[in-house]
Amino acid sequence: MSSSQRQLFGTDGIRGVAGEFPLTPESVFIIGRALGHNLRQNAASSTDSPRVIIGQDTRESSAWIADRLILGLASHGVEVHSAGVLTTPGVAYLARLRGCSAGIVISASHNPWMDNGIKVFSGDGYKFPDARELEVEKEIFALLEAAKENKHPEPLSTAPSLPGEESLRRAYIDWLAASVSTDLHTLKVLVDCANGAAAAEAPELFHKLGIQAEFLNSSPNGRNINDNCGALHAEAVGLAVSERNALQKNDEFDLGVTFDGDADRALFCDANGKVVNGDAVLLLAARDMQAQGKLAKSTVVATTMSNMGLEIALKKSGIHMLRANVGDKYVLEEMQKTGATLGGEQSGHILFRDSDATTGDGIATALRVMDVVVRSGKALADLVSDLKVFPQVIQNIRVREKTPFAQVPAIQNAIQEAEHSLNGNGRVVVRYSGTEALARVMVEAENEETMKKLADSIAGAIQKALGS
């Protein structure tokens, strides 16, 4: 089922500005009703009461959105267990562990605090497939239409806030800790929690594992999530590491790690403060898994946004790289189709299928990187030093509508001219964001002047034809 048929669900659930459609109190309640009905319809038997785990990030709107969603779910007899503030992968893990019908996360990931979203996982820990999202979406619109025609809509009531069940959070932390067999106490790490969900789990987990860690941006106030911090600003943790290491020569940080708001992805920096992105993580993880015989079919699944330099470096190590559409759910689909055990995105979503993880997990990725550093006895910079990155630029253009690019001759011509100019020595990827009203233009070329010129040309054509 094509994602373009869906109007509410993007590549990562339903997302928008909290308080505006589709995240008004009324519409969130209706989303809960539609989800509840879908879970009831898919229950093993008509007498089974669906059970759901719900978690949230640290935005000030997350609590009321969770409450309204719970009220809608309850209208179909769904039993809800709250994990409180928990990472997205934590909810996915717990839904599977507890044999639930679904796991639901209230989060807008890396977006600013004013935004929020609703992500849904099936009971097996995997994100709802596109076809099932479309089923739910059709019912949402039907219920919205019915509510519009109702002369006497039911009064808005508030669901009783469910206290976060500490046992749920504890089970997730214990699972992460059990995934590490290497002694990590020799590492000194600077950790940016983005004032998001990682602040609820990472400090306790790292302490449990004996990692020498200092934490930044771990005091969320509802409005500071992702605010000039976290994975969207990886250069910040890089600067902090380089500054601290310049001052304390005999007690330097080995690396820095930074999460996004819901901690389903992580980026890093080396001891010099240089950012290490998802492409570099894929390279070091692929080589390590290959050496251990865990890299199925010597294959890595990346996306259309991964740099050509990664493809070349992997090839030199005898590893084949496949490209999927952008979005970790599409990376996972390709991994399942091909049997690959490693995949991910340049943005830091990394999927390890040599374990029982079902989605990208930033904290688990951080542990895996630290594990490789300690076992190899090499610095993070040395592990990825041969990754020669082609100059790459990404331009975002705000659009008023997402018209297929092939239907706009001026845009199509600009893309074709750029590809002809590169003649195979670079790449052009033009796509719409799955979560925002943005067109993204990515150009890779052997030199920066060509790269910028071609990106500007395509971005200009999009701005002129579709710009908001």
Foldseek 3Di string as FASTA:
>chain_A
DDLVVDDQQFLFAGKDFQCDPPRNLVNLLLLLQLVLVLLCVPDPDNPDAAEEEEAEKQAPRQQQSVFSSVNNNVVNRHHYAYQYQAFPLLQLVLLQVVQGQKYWYWAPWQDFSRMIGIWIGGSLSAGDDSVSVVSSRVSSVVVVVVQVPDPDHDDDDTHPGHDRDNVSLVVSLVVLLVVDPDQLLVAEEEEEAQLMSCLVRVVVSCVVSNHNYDYDNSNHDNGRRNPCFFLVNLLVQLVVQQVVCVVCVPDHHQKYKGAIRSQLFIWIAGNNSHTHFPLLLLQLVLLVCVVVVNFPPLEEEEAPQRFVLSQVSSVVVVHHYHHFHPHFSRSLVVCVVVVGQWYYYRSGQIGGNSDSRRGRGHVSSVSVLSSSCVVVVHRSCVSRVSRDGFDKDKDKFAFPDDDPQVVQVQLVVLQVVLCVVQVPQWDWDWAADRHHRIIMIMIGHNDDVSNVVSSVSNSVSCCVPTGD
